[in-house]
Amino acid sequence: MKIFLKLIFEEKQEYVFSGFVNNSKVEDFDSAISELSENLAVLTTPGHETINMRENIKEGLSYPFNEFYFKIGIKNTSNGMLWQVSSGVHDVEKSNNFKLELEGSKIYFSGELIIKCNIKDACYSDLLSDQSRLFIEECSVKKINSNSYNDYKTFRFTYTGDWNRDKEIKKDIIENPNKSSRKIIIEHAKSLKKSWL
């Protein structure tokens, strides 16, 4: 089902580069950071638009440019695991009050973001049962180098950049959501609310 989520980040969120680019561990961490830092601006809306059935870079942009994506985690009450919902620039309805900062090996975000996403009915039921256990599991910056379909690199960011420490943070969010600085205030609806815009 399609739903709309309003995500409110009361505290500035910090994520750290995990050392993975396009799902592969990089050999030279510093070189990867230098490459990503060629352009520190990160878009929260798509850098391409379709005109006359052709995809073009938006006016005012130039290559390379960066786009923002993330994975939402929601506790699955039936098996204790997590639902994962992927989202990003193509799902954003409003990002006026959302702030992104890329600083070397870290990315920060804060403010409010309204997105649309498709989730399973059971996932929606779990969201309704306990909204406090929704969190941003990881985020990524997609560096698009040209208009070629596969000329991009995706840099992955997690809570600490270390999978084992990240696992402990996720566990803490799920078990003690009200004590976590990763807490997100959530509003949801099956249609986009005018009051959100």
N, C-alpha and C. Protein backbone atom coordinates (compact mmCIF):
# COMPACT_ATOMS: atom_id res chain seq x y z
N MET A 1 0.83 -1.18 0.00
CA MET A 1 0.00 0.00 0.00
C MET A 1 0.88 1.25 0.00
N LYS A 2 0.34 2.34 -0.55
CA LYS A 2 1.07 3.59 -0.58
C LYS A 2 0.69 4.41 0.64
N ILE A 3 1.69 4.91 1.35
CA ILE A 3 1.43 5.80 2.48
C ILE A 3 2.37 7.00 2.40
N PHE A 4 2.03 8.01 3.16
CA PHE A 4 2.87 9.20 3.26
C PHE A 4 3.37 9.31 4.69
N LEU A 5 4.63 9.63 4.83
CA LEU A 5 5.24 9.78 6.15
C LEU A 5 5.83 11.18 6.30
N LYS A 6 5.56 11.78 7.42
CA LYS A 6 6.22 13.02 7.79
C LYS A 6 7.21 12.68 8.89
N LEU A 7 8.49 12.82 8.59
CA LEU A 7 9.56 12.48 9.52
C LEU A 7 10.12 13.76 10.11
N ILE A 8 10.11 13.85 11.43
CA ILE A 8 10.61 15.04 12.11
C ILE A 8 11.81 14.65 12.96
N PHE A 9 12.96 15.17 12.60
CA PHE A 9 14.20 14.88 13.32
C PHE A 9 14.45 16.01 14.31
N GLU A 10 14.13 15.76 15.58
CA GLU A 10 14.29 16.81 16.59
C GLU A 10 15.75 17.13 16.85
N GLU A 11 16.58 16.09 16.82
CA GLU A 11 18.01 16.29 17.03
C GLU A 11 18.75 16.03 15.73
N LYS A 12 19.84 16.74 15.54
CA LYS A 12 20.67 16.55 14.34
C LYS A 12 21.19 15.12 14.31
N GLN A 13 21.01 14.45 13.19
CA GLN A 13 21.42 13.05 13.04
C GLN A 13 22.78 12.97 12.35
N GLU A 14 23.66 12.14 12.89
CA GLU A 14 24.99 11.96 12.31
C GLU A 14 25.15 10.53 11.83
N TYR A 15 25.63 10.38 10.58
CA TYR A 15 25.94 9.07 10.03
C TYR A 15 27.36 9.12 9.47
N VAL A 16 28.04 7.97 9.52
CA VAL A 16 29.46 7.90 9.18
C VAL A 16 29.66 6.97 7.98
N PHE A 17 30.54 7.36 7.06
CA PHE A 17 30.83 6.54 5.89
C PHE A 17 31.33 5.17 6.33
N SER A 18 30.71 4.13 5.79
CA SER A 18 31.02 2.76 6.21
C SER A 18 32.21 2.14 5.48
N GLY A 19 32.71 2.84 4.45
CA GLY A 19 33.80 2.27 3.66
C GLY A 19 33.31 1.45 2.49
N PHE A 20 31.97 1.45 2.25
CA PHE A 20 31.41 0.70 1.14
C PHE A 20 30.93 1.64 0.04
N VAL A 21 31.37 1.34 -1.19
CA VAL A 21 30.93 2.08 -2.37
C VAL A 21 30.39 1.05 -3.36
N ASN A 22 29.16 1.27 -3.83
CA ASN A 22 28.51 0.29 -4.73
C ASN A 22 28.55 -1.11 -4.14
N ASN A 23 28.32 -1.21 -2.84
CA ASN A 23 28.25 -2.48 -2.11
C ASN A 23 29.57 -3.24 -2.03
N SER A 24 30.68 -2.58 -2.32
CA SER A 24 32.00 -3.21 -2.19
C SER A 24 32.87 -2.39 -1.25
N LYS A 25 33.65 -3.08 -0.42
CA LYS A 25 34.55 -2.39 0.51
C LYS A 25 35.67 -1.71 -0.28
N VAL A 26 35.91 -0.44 0.00
CA VAL A 26 36.95 0.29 -0.72
C VAL A 26 38.32 -0.04 -0.13
N GLU A 27 39.34 -0.01 -0.97
CA GLU A 27 40.70 -0.27 -0.50
C GLU A 27 41.33 1.00 0.06
N ASP A 28 40.98 2.15 -0.52
CA ASP A 28 41.55 3.42 -0.09
C ASP A 28 40.43 4.32 0.43
N PHE A 29 40.26 4.33 1.75
CA PHE A 29 39.19 5.08 2.39
C PHE A 29 39.30 6.58 2.09
N ASP A 30 40.50 7.14 2.26
CA ASP A 30 40.70 8.58 2.07
C ASP A 30 40.42 9.01 0.64
N SER A 31 40.80 8.17 -0.31
CA SER A 31 40.55 8.47 -1.72
C SER A 31 39.05 8.50 -2.01
N ALA A 32 38.31 7.58 -1.39
CA ALA A 32 36.85 7.54 -1.58
C ALA A 32 36.20 8.81 -1.02
N ILE A 33 36.67 9.26 0.15
CA ILE A 33 36.13 10.48 0.75
C ILE A 33 36.46 11.69 -0.11
N SER A 34 37.67 11.74 -0.66
CA SER A 34 38.06 12.85 -1.54
C SER A 34 37.17 12.90 -2.77
N GLU A 35 36.88 11.72 -3.31
CA GLU A 35 36.03 11.65 -4.50
C GLU A 35 34.62 12.13 -4.18
N LEU A 36 34.09 11.71 -3.05
CA LEU A 36 32.75 12.12 -2.65
C LEU A 36 32.69 13.62 -2.39
N SER A 37 33.78 14.17 -1.86
CA SER A 37 33.81 15.58 -1.46
C SER A 37 34.03 16.55 -2.62
N GLU A 38 34.10 16.05 -3.84
CA GLU A 38 34.23 16.94 -5.00
C GLU A 38 33.08 17.93 -5.06
N ASN A 39 31.92 17.48 -4.60
CA ASN A 39 30.74 18.35 -4.55
C ASN A 39 30.03 18.06 -3.23
N LEU A 40 30.04 19.02 -2.31
CA LEU A 40 29.48 18.78 -0.98
C LEU A 40 27.96 18.93 -0.94
N ALA A 41 27.37 19.51 -1.97
CA ALA A 41 25.91 19.67 -1.99
C ALA A 41 25.26 18.31 -2.24
N VAL A 42 24.21 18.01 -1.48
CA VAL A 42 23.46 16.76 -1.64
C VAL A 42 22.00 17.11 -1.88
N LEU A 43 21.47 16.66 -3.02
CA LEU A 43 20.10 16.99 -3.40
C LEU A 43 19.10 16.13 -2.64
N THR A 44 17.96 16.72 -2.30
CA THR A 44 16.86 15.96 -1.69
C THR A 44 15.71 15.80 -2.67
N THR A 45 15.90 16.27 -3.90
CA THR A 45 14.96 16.03 -5.00
C THR A 45 15.79 15.57 -6.19
N PRO A 46 15.20 14.86 -7.16
CA PRO A 46 15.99 14.30 -8.26
C PRO A 46 16.74 15.36 -9.06
N GLY A 47 17.95 15.02 -9.49
CA GLY A 47 18.74 15.92 -10.32
C GLY A 47 18.39 15.85 -11.79
N HIS A 48 17.62 14.83 -12.16
CA HIS A 48 17.17 14.69 -13.55
C HIS A 48 15.67 14.94 -13.64
N GLU A 49 15.23 15.37 -14.80
CA GLU A 49 13.81 15.52 -15.09
C GLU A 49 13.54 14.99 -16.49
N THR A 50 12.32 14.53 -16.71
CA THR A 50 11.95 13.99 -18.02
C THR A 50 11.23 15.05 -18.83
N ILE A 51 11.78 15.38 -20.00
CA ILE A 51 11.18 16.34 -20.92
C ILE A 51 11.09 15.68 -22.28
N ASN A 52 9.88 15.66 -22.86
CA ASN A 52 9.66 15.01 -24.16
C ASN A 52 10.19 13.58 -24.17
N MET A 53 9.89 12.86 -23.07
CA MET A 53 10.25 11.44 -22.92
C MET A 53 11.76 11.21 -22.86
N ARG A 54 12.52 12.26 -22.63
CA ARG A 54 13.98 12.11 -22.48
C ARG A 54 14.40 12.65 -21.12
N GLU A 55 15.31 11.94 -20.49
CA GLU A 55 15.79 12.35 -19.18
C GLU A 55 16.95 13.32 -19.34
N ASN A 56 16.81 14.49 -18.71
CA ASN A 56 17.83 15.52 -18.79
C ASN A 56 18.19 16.01 -17.40
N ILE A 57 19.41 16.52 -17.28
CA ILE A 57 19.81 17.12 -16.02
C ILE A 57 19.02 18.41 -15.83
N LYS A 58 18.63 18.70 -14.61
CA LYS A 58 17.84 19.90 -14.35
C LYS A 58 18.67 21.16 -14.59
N GLU A 59 17.97 22.20 -15.00
CA GLU A 59 18.63 23.47 -15.27
C GLU A 59 19.33 23.98 -14.01
N GLY A 60 20.55 24.45 -14.19
CA GLY A 60 21.32 24.98 -13.06
C GLY A 60 22.24 23.96 -12.42
N LEU A 61 22.06 22.68 -12.75
CA LEU A 61 22.92 21.63 -12.21
C LEU A 61 24.01 21.27 -13.22
N SER A 62 25.09 20.71 -12.72
CA SER A 62 26.14 20.17 -13.59
C SER A 62 26.67 18.90 -12.95
N TYR A 63 27.30 18.06 -13.75
CA TYR A 63 27.88 16.82 -13.25
C TYR A 63 29.25 17.10 -12.64
N PRO A 64 29.64 16.36 -11.61
CA PRO A 64 28.83 15.38 -10.89
C PRO A 64 27.92 16.06 -9.87
N PHE A 65 26.80 15.40 -9.54
CA PHE A 65 25.96 15.88 -8.45
C PHE A 65 25.58 14.70 -7.56
N ASN A 66 25.18 15.02 -6.34
CA ASN A 66 24.88 13.99 -5.34
C ASN A 66 23.40 13.96 -4.99
N GLU A 67 22.85 12.77 -4.85
CA GLU A 67 21.47 12.58 -4.41
C GLU A 67 21.46 11.78 -3.11
N PHE A 68 20.40 11.97 -2.34
CA PHE A 68 20.27 11.39 -1.00
C PHE A 68 19.27 10.24 -1.00
N TYR A 69 19.65 9.10 -0.38
CA TYR A 69 18.76 7.94 -0.24
C TYR A 69 18.90 7.39 1.18
N PHE A 70 17.90 6.65 1.62
CA PHE A 70 18.01 6.04 2.94
C PHE A 70 17.12 4.81 3.06
N LYS A 71 17.40 4.01 4.10
CA LYS A 71 16.60 2.84 4.42
C LYS A 71 15.94 3.06 5.77
N ILE A 72 14.62 2.89 5.79
CA ILE A 72 13.87 3.00 7.03
C ILE A 72 13.74 1.61 7.64
N GLY A 73 13.97 1.51 8.93
CA GLY A 73 13.77 0.26 9.65
C GLY A 73 12.53 0.35 10.52
N ILE A 74 11.71 -0.69 10.49
CA ILE A 74 10.51 -0.78 11.33
C ILE A 74 10.50 -2.18 11.94
N LYS A 75 10.30 -2.26 13.24
CA LYS A 75 10.33 -3.57 13.89
C LYS A 75 9.19 -4.45 13.38
N ASN A 76 9.53 -5.69 12.99
CA ASN A 76 8.55 -6.68 12.56
C ASN A 76 8.10 -7.46 13.80
N THR A 77 6.87 -7.24 14.23
CA THR A 77 6.40 -7.85 15.48
C THR A 77 6.17 -9.35 15.36
N SER A 78 6.03 -9.86 14.15
CA SER A 78 5.75 -11.29 14.00
C SER A 78 7.00 -12.15 14.16
N ASN A 79 8.18 -11.61 13.84
CA ASN A 79 9.39 -12.43 13.94
C ASN A 79 10.55 -11.74 14.66
N GLY A 80 10.33 -10.51 15.14
CA GLY A 80 11.38 -9.81 15.86
C GLY A 80 12.46 -9.22 14.98
N MET A 81 12.35 -9.42 13.67
CA MET A 81 13.33 -8.87 12.73
C MET A 81 12.91 -7.44 12.36
N LEU A 82 13.40 -6.96 11.22
CA LEU A 82 13.07 -5.60 10.79
C LEU A 82 12.46 -5.60 9.40
N TRP A 83 11.47 -4.73 9.22
CA TRP A 83 11.03 -4.37 7.88
C TRP A 83 12.02 -3.33 7.37
N GLN A 84 12.38 -3.41 6.10
CA GLN A 84 13.23 -2.38 5.51
C GLN A 84 12.48 -1.71 4.38
N VAL A 85 12.41 -0.39 4.43
CA VAL A 85 11.73 0.39 3.40
C VAL A 85 12.76 1.35 2.80
N SER A 86 13.03 1.18 1.51
CA SER A 86 13.99 2.06 0.84
C SER A 86 13.29 3.31 0.33
N SER A 87 13.95 4.44 0.47
CA SER A 87 13.36 5.69 0.03
C SER A 87 14.48 6.64 -0.37
N GLY A 88 14.09 7.80 -0.88
CA GLY A 88 15.10 8.77 -1.28
C GLY A 88 14.51 9.88 -2.12
N VAL A 89 15.34 10.50 -2.94
CA VAL A 89 14.94 11.71 -3.65
C VAL A 89 13.68 11.54 -4.49
N HIS A 90 13.46 10.36 -5.06
CA HIS A 90 12.31 10.17 -5.95
C HIS A 90 11.00 10.02 -5.18
N ASP A 91 11.09 9.90 -3.86
CA ASP A 91 9.89 9.72 -3.04
C ASP A 91 9.57 10.96 -2.21
N VAL A 92 10.37 11.99 -2.32
CA VAL A 92 10.19 13.18 -1.48
C VAL A 92 9.05 14.04 -2.01
N GLU A 93 8.12 14.37 -1.12
CA GLU A 93 7.03 15.27 -1.45
C GLU A 93 7.36 16.71 -1.04
N LYS A 94 8.08 16.84 0.06
CA LYS A 94 8.47 18.18 0.53
C LYS A 94 9.72 18.06 1.37
N SER A 95 10.69 18.93 1.09
CA SER A 95 11.94 18.90 1.85
C SER A 95 12.40 20.31 2.23
N ASN A 96 11.48 21.28 2.19
CA ASN A 96 11.84 22.68 2.47
C ASN A 96 12.50 22.84 3.83
N ASN A 97 12.02 22.09 4.82
CA ASN A 97 12.53 22.24 6.19
C ASN A 97 13.55 21.16 6.55
N PHE A 98 14.09 20.50 5.53
CA PHE A 98 15.04 19.41 5.75
C PHE A 98 16.44 19.90 5.38
N LYS A 99 17.40 19.68 6.26
CA LYS A 99 18.75 20.16 6.02
C LYS A 99 19.74 19.01 5.98
N LEU A 100 20.59 19.00 4.95
CA LEU A 100 21.62 17.98 4.77
C LEU A 100 22.98 18.64 4.72
N GLU A 101 23.95 18.06 5.42
CA GLU A 101 25.31 18.58 5.39
C GLU A 101 26.28 17.41 5.22
N LEU A 102 27.09 17.46 4.20
CA LEU A 102 28.13 16.46 3.97
C LEU A 102 29.46 17.06 4.39
N GLU A 103 30.11 16.43 5.37
CA GLU A 103 31.38 16.93 5.88
C GLU A 103 32.38 15.77 5.97
N GLY A 104 33.21 15.65 4.96
CA GLY A 104 34.20 14.58 4.95
C GLY A 104 33.57 13.21 5.00
N SER A 105 33.88 12.45 6.05
CA SER A 105 33.37 11.08 6.16
C SER A 105 32.03 11.02 6.88
N LYS A 106 31.43 12.18 7.17
CA LYS A 106 30.16 12.20 7.91
C LYS A 106 29.09 12.97 7.15
N ILE A 107 27.85 12.57 7.39
CA ILE A 107 26.72 13.31 6.85
C ILE A 107 25.76 13.59 8.00
N TYR A 108 25.19 14.77 7.98
CA TYR A 108 24.26 15.20 9.03
C TYR A 108 22.93 15.59 8.40
N PHE A 109 21.84 15.27 9.07
CA PHE A 109 20.56 15.80 8.61
C PHE A 109 19.66 16.12 9.78
N SER A 110 18.75 17.05 9.53
CA SER A 110 17.85 17.53 10.57
C SER A 110 16.64 18.17 9.92
N GLY A 111 15.63 18.46 10.74
CA GLY A 111 14.43 19.12 10.23
C GLY A 111 13.31 18.16 9.92
N GLU A 112 12.52 18.49 8.91
CA GLU A 112 11.34 17.70 8.54
C GLU A 112 11.41 17.27 7.08
N LEU A 113 10.91 16.07 6.84
CA LEU A 113 10.90 15.51 5.49
C LEU A 113 9.60 14.76 5.28
N ILE A 114 8.94 15.02 4.16
CA ILE A 114 7.70 14.32 3.83
C ILE A 114 7.96 13.44 2.62
N ILE A 115 7.69 12.14 2.78
CA ILE A 115 7.94 11.18 1.70
C ILE A 115 6.71 10.31 1.46
N LYS A 116 6.67 9.73 0.26
CA LYS A 116 5.67 8.69 -0.01
C LYS A 116 6.43 7.39 -0.18
N CYS A 117 5.83 6.30 0.26
CA CYS A 117 6.48 5.01 0.12
C CYS A 117 5.45 3.89 0.02
N ASN A 118 5.87 2.79 -0.55
CA ASN A 118 5.02 1.60 -0.66
C ASN A 118 5.49 0.58 0.37
N ILE A 119 4.56 0.14 1.20
CA ILE A 119 4.90 -0.86 2.21
C ILE A 119 3.84 -1.96 2.24
N LYS A 120 4.20 -3.10 2.79
CA LYS A 120 3.26 -4.20 2.93
C LYS A 120 2.25 -3.89 4.03
N ASP A 121 1.08 -4.49 3.92
CA ASP A 121 0.03 -4.26 4.92
C ASP A 121 0.51 -4.59 6.33
N ALA A 122 1.24 -5.71 6.46
CA ALA A 122 1.73 -6.13 7.78
C ALA A 122 2.73 -5.12 8.34
N CYS A 123 3.53 -4.54 7.46
CA CYS A 123 4.49 -3.52 7.88
C CYS A 123 3.75 -2.28 8.38
N TYR A 124 2.69 -1.91 7.68
CA TYR A 124 1.88 -0.76 8.09
C TYR A 124 1.24 -1.01 9.46
N SER A 125 0.78 -2.24 9.68
CA SER A 125 0.19 -2.59 10.98
C SER A 125 1.22 -2.45 12.10
N ASP A 126 2.46 -2.88 11.82
CA ASP A 126 3.52 -2.75 12.82
C ASP A 126 3.85 -1.28 13.07
N LEU A 127 3.81 -0.48 12.03
CA LEU A 127 4.05 0.95 12.19
C LEU A 127 2.98 1.58 13.08
N LEU A 128 1.72 1.18 12.84
CA LEU A 128 0.62 1.72 13.64
C LEU A 128 0.71 1.29 15.10
N SER A 129 1.20 0.07 15.32
CA SER A 129 1.24 -0.46 16.69
C SER A 129 2.29 0.23 17.55
N ASP A 130 3.38 0.71 16.92
CA ASP A 130 4.42 1.38 17.71
C ASP A 130 5.29 2.24 16.81
N GLN A 131 4.88 3.48 16.62
CA GLN A 131 5.61 4.39 15.73
C GLN A 131 7.00 4.73 16.25
N SER A 132 7.20 4.62 17.55
CA SER A 132 8.48 5.05 18.14
C SER A 132 9.64 4.16 17.70
N ARG A 133 9.33 3.00 17.12
CA ARG A 133 10.40 2.08 16.74
C ARG A 133 10.77 2.18 15.26
N LEU A 134 10.37 3.25 14.61
CA LEU A 134 10.82 3.52 13.24
C LEU A 134 12.12 4.32 13.33
N PHE A 135 13.08 3.99 12.48
CA PHE A 135 14.35 4.70 12.48
C PHE A 135 14.99 4.64 11.10
N ILE A 136 15.94 5.53 10.86
CA ILE A 136 16.71 5.50 9.62
C ILE A 136 17.89 4.57 9.84
N GLU A 137 17.83 3.41 9.20
CA GLU A 137 18.85 2.39 9.45
C GLU A 137 20.20 2.75 8.83
N GLU A 138 20.17 3.24 7.62
CA GLU A 138 21.38 3.73 6.98
C GLU A 138 20.98 4.71 5.89
N CYS A 139 21.92 5.53 5.47
CA CYS A 139 21.63 6.43 4.36
C CYS A 139 22.78 6.34 3.37
N SER A 140 22.57 6.85 2.19
CA SER A 140 23.61 6.79 1.17
C SER A 140 23.57 8.05 0.32
N VAL A 141 24.73 8.36 -0.22
CA VAL A 141 24.86 9.47 -1.16
C VAL A 141 25.22 8.86 -2.51
N LYS A 142 24.38 9.13 -3.49
CA LYS A 142 24.61 8.61 -4.84
C LYS A 142 25.24 9.72 -5.68
N LYS A 143 26.50 9.53 -6.04
CA LYS A 143 27.22 10.51 -6.84
C LYS A 143 27.02 10.17 -8.31
N ILE A 144 26.30 11.01 -9.03
CA ILE A 144 26.00 10.78 -10.44
C ILE A 144 26.98 11.59 -11.27
N ASN A 145 27.78 10.88 -12.08
CA ASN A 145 28.89 11.51 -12.80
C ASN A 145 28.55 12.00 -14.19
N SER A 146 27.54 11.39 -14.83
CA SER A 146 27.16 11.80 -16.19
C SER A 146 25.74 11.33 -16.46
N ASN A 147 25.25 11.56 -17.68
CA ASN A 147 23.89 11.11 -18.01
C ASN A 147 23.85 9.65 -18.44
N SER A 148 24.99 8.96 -18.40
CA SER A 148 25.02 7.53 -18.70
C SER A 148 24.30 6.78 -17.58
N TYR A 149 23.52 5.77 -17.93
CA TYR A 149 22.66 5.06 -16.99
C TYR A 149 23.39 4.53 -15.77
N ASN A 150 24.60 4.00 -15.97
CA ASN A 150 25.30 3.35 -14.84
C ASN A 150 26.55 4.09 -14.40
N ASP A 151 26.66 5.36 -14.75
CA ASP A 151 27.84 6.14 -14.36
C ASP A 151 27.59 6.85 -13.03
N TYR A 152 27.57 6.05 -11.98
CA TYR A 152 27.34 6.60 -10.64
C TYR A 152 28.07 5.74 -9.60
N LYS A 153 28.22 6.29 -8.41
CA LYS A 153 28.76 5.55 -7.27
C LYS A 153 27.89 5.85 -6.06
N THR A 154 27.58 4.81 -5.29
CA THR A 154 26.76 4.97 -4.10
C THR A 154 27.62 4.76 -2.85
N PHE A 155 27.73 5.79 -2.04
CA PHE A 155 28.52 5.78 -0.81
C PHE A 155 27.58 5.55 0.37
N ARG A 156 27.84 4.49 1.14
CA ARG A 156 26.92 4.10 2.22
C ARG A 156 27.38 4.64 3.57
N PHE A 157 26.41 5.15 4.33
CA PHE A 157 26.66 5.71 5.66
C PHE A 157 25.79 5.00 6.69
N THR A 158 26.39 4.68 7.84
CA THR A 158 25.65 4.06 8.94
C THR A 158 25.87 4.89 10.21
N TYR A 159 25.32 4.44 11.33
CA TYR A 159 25.43 5.22 12.57
C TYR A 159 26.87 5.55 12.94
N THR A 160 27.73 4.54 12.87
CA THR A 160 29.13 4.71 13.30
C THR A 160 30.13 4.34 12.22
N GLY A 161 29.67 3.70 11.14
CA GLY A 161 30.58 3.17 10.13
C GLY A 161 31.06 1.78 10.46
N ASP A 162 30.69 1.27 11.64
CA ASP A 162 31.09 -0.07 12.09
C ASP A 162 29.83 -0.91 12.29
N TRP A 163 29.71 -2.03 11.56
CA TRP A 163 28.47 -2.82 11.56
C TRP A 163 28.11 -3.34 12.95
N ASN A 164 29.10 -3.79 13.72
CA ASN A 164 28.81 -4.35 15.04
C ASN A 164 28.29 -3.28 16.00
N ARG A 165 28.92 -2.13 16.01
CA ARG A 165 28.44 -1.04 16.86
C ARG A 165 27.07 -0.55 16.39
N ASP A 166 26.87 -0.54 15.08
CA ASP A 166 25.57 -0.14 14.53
C ASP A 166 24.45 -1.06 15.02
N LYS A 167 24.77 -2.35 15.09
CA LYS A 167 23.78 -3.34 15.53
C LYS A 167 23.33 -3.05 16.95
N GLU A 168 24.26 -2.66 17.81
CA GLU A 168 23.92 -2.33 19.20
C GLU A 168 23.04 -1.09 19.27
N ILE A 169 23.33 -0.11 18.42
CA ILE A 169 22.52 1.11 18.40
C ILE A 169 21.10 0.79 17.95
N LYS A 170 20.96 -0.03 16.91
CA LYS A 170 19.63 -0.42 16.43
C LYS A 170 18.85 -1.14 17.53
N LYS A 171 19.54 -2.03 18.23
CA LYS A 171 18.90 -2.76 19.33
C LYS A 171 18.41 -1.80 20.40
N ASP A 172 19.22 -0.81 20.71
CA ASP A 172 18.85 0.17 21.74
C ASP A 172 17.65 1.01 21.30
N ILE A 173 17.60 1.37 20.02
CA ILE A 173 16.47 2.15 19.50
C ILE A 173 15.18 1.35 19.64
N ILE A 174 15.24 0.07 19.28
CA ILE A 174 14.05 -0.78 19.31
C ILE A 174 13.58 -1.02 20.75
N GLU A 175 14.55 -1.24 21.66
CA GLU A 175 14.19 -1.58 23.03
C GLU A 175 13.93 -0.35 23.91
N ASN A 176 14.60 0.76 23.62
CA ASN A 176 14.46 1.98 24.44
C ASN A 176 14.26 3.21 23.56
N PRO A 177 13.23 3.23 22.73
CA PRO A 177 13.09 4.31 21.75
C PRO A 177 13.01 5.70 22.35
N ASN A 178 12.43 5.84 23.52
CA ASN A 178 12.27 7.17 24.11
C ASN A 178 13.57 7.73 24.68
N LYS A 179 14.56 6.86 24.88
CA LYS A 179 15.84 7.31 25.43
C LYS A 179 16.88 7.56 24.34
N SER A 180 16.55 7.21 23.12
CA SER A 180 17.53 7.29 22.05
C SER A 180 17.54 8.67 21.39
N SER A 181 18.74 9.18 21.10
CA SER A 181 18.86 10.45 20.38
C SER A 181 18.49 10.27 18.91
N ARG A 182 18.28 9.00 18.50
CA ARG A 182 17.89 8.70 17.12
C ARG A 182 16.38 8.70 16.95
N LYS A 183 15.67 9.08 17.97
CA LYS A 183 14.21 9.06 17.91
C LYS A 183 13.70 10.01 16.83
N ILE A 184 12.70 9.54 16.09
CA ILE A 184 12.08 10.34 15.05
C ILE A 184 10.60 10.51 15.39
N ILE A 185 10.12 11.74 15.31
CA ILE A 185 8.68 11.96 15.46
C ILE A 185 8.04 11.70 14.11
N ILE A 186 6.98 10.90 14.10
CA ILE A 186 6.38 10.46 12.84
C ILE A 186 4.90 10.80 12.78
N GLU A 187 4.50 11.29 11.63
CA GLU A 187 3.08 11.39 11.31
C GLU A 187 2.89 10.60 10.03
N HIS A 188 1.72 9.97 9.88
CA HIS A 188 1.50 9.17 8.67
C HIS A 188 0.08 9.36 8.18
N ALA A 189 -0.13 9.09 6.90
CA ALA A 189 -1.46 9.21 6.30
C ALA A 189 -1.48 8.41 5.01
N LYS A 190 -2.68 7.98 4.61
CA LYS A 190 -2.80 7.24 3.35
C LYS A 190 -2.94 8.17 2.15
N SER A 191 -3.19 9.45 2.42
CA SER A 191 -3.17 10.46 1.36
C SER A 191 -2.45 11.68 1.91
N LEU A 192 -1.89 12.46 1.03
CA LEU A 192 -1.07 13.60 1.45
C LEU A 192 -1.94 14.67 2.10
N LYS A 193 -1.62 15.02 3.33
CA LYS A 193 -2.40 16.01 4.06
C LYS A 193 -2.05 17.43 3.61
N LYS A 194 -3.08 18.23 3.38
CA LYS A 194 -2.84 19.62 2.98
C LYS A 194 -2.12 20.39 4.07
N SER A 195 -2.38 20.01 5.33
CA SER A 195 -1.75 20.72 6.45
C SER A 195 -0.24 20.51 6.48
N TRP A 196 0.26 19.48 5.77
CA TRP A 196 1.69 19.23 5.73
C TRP A 196 2.41 20.13 4.74
N LEU A 197 1.66 20.65 3.77
CA LEU A 197 2.28 21.38 2.66
C LEU A 197 2.31 22.88 2.89
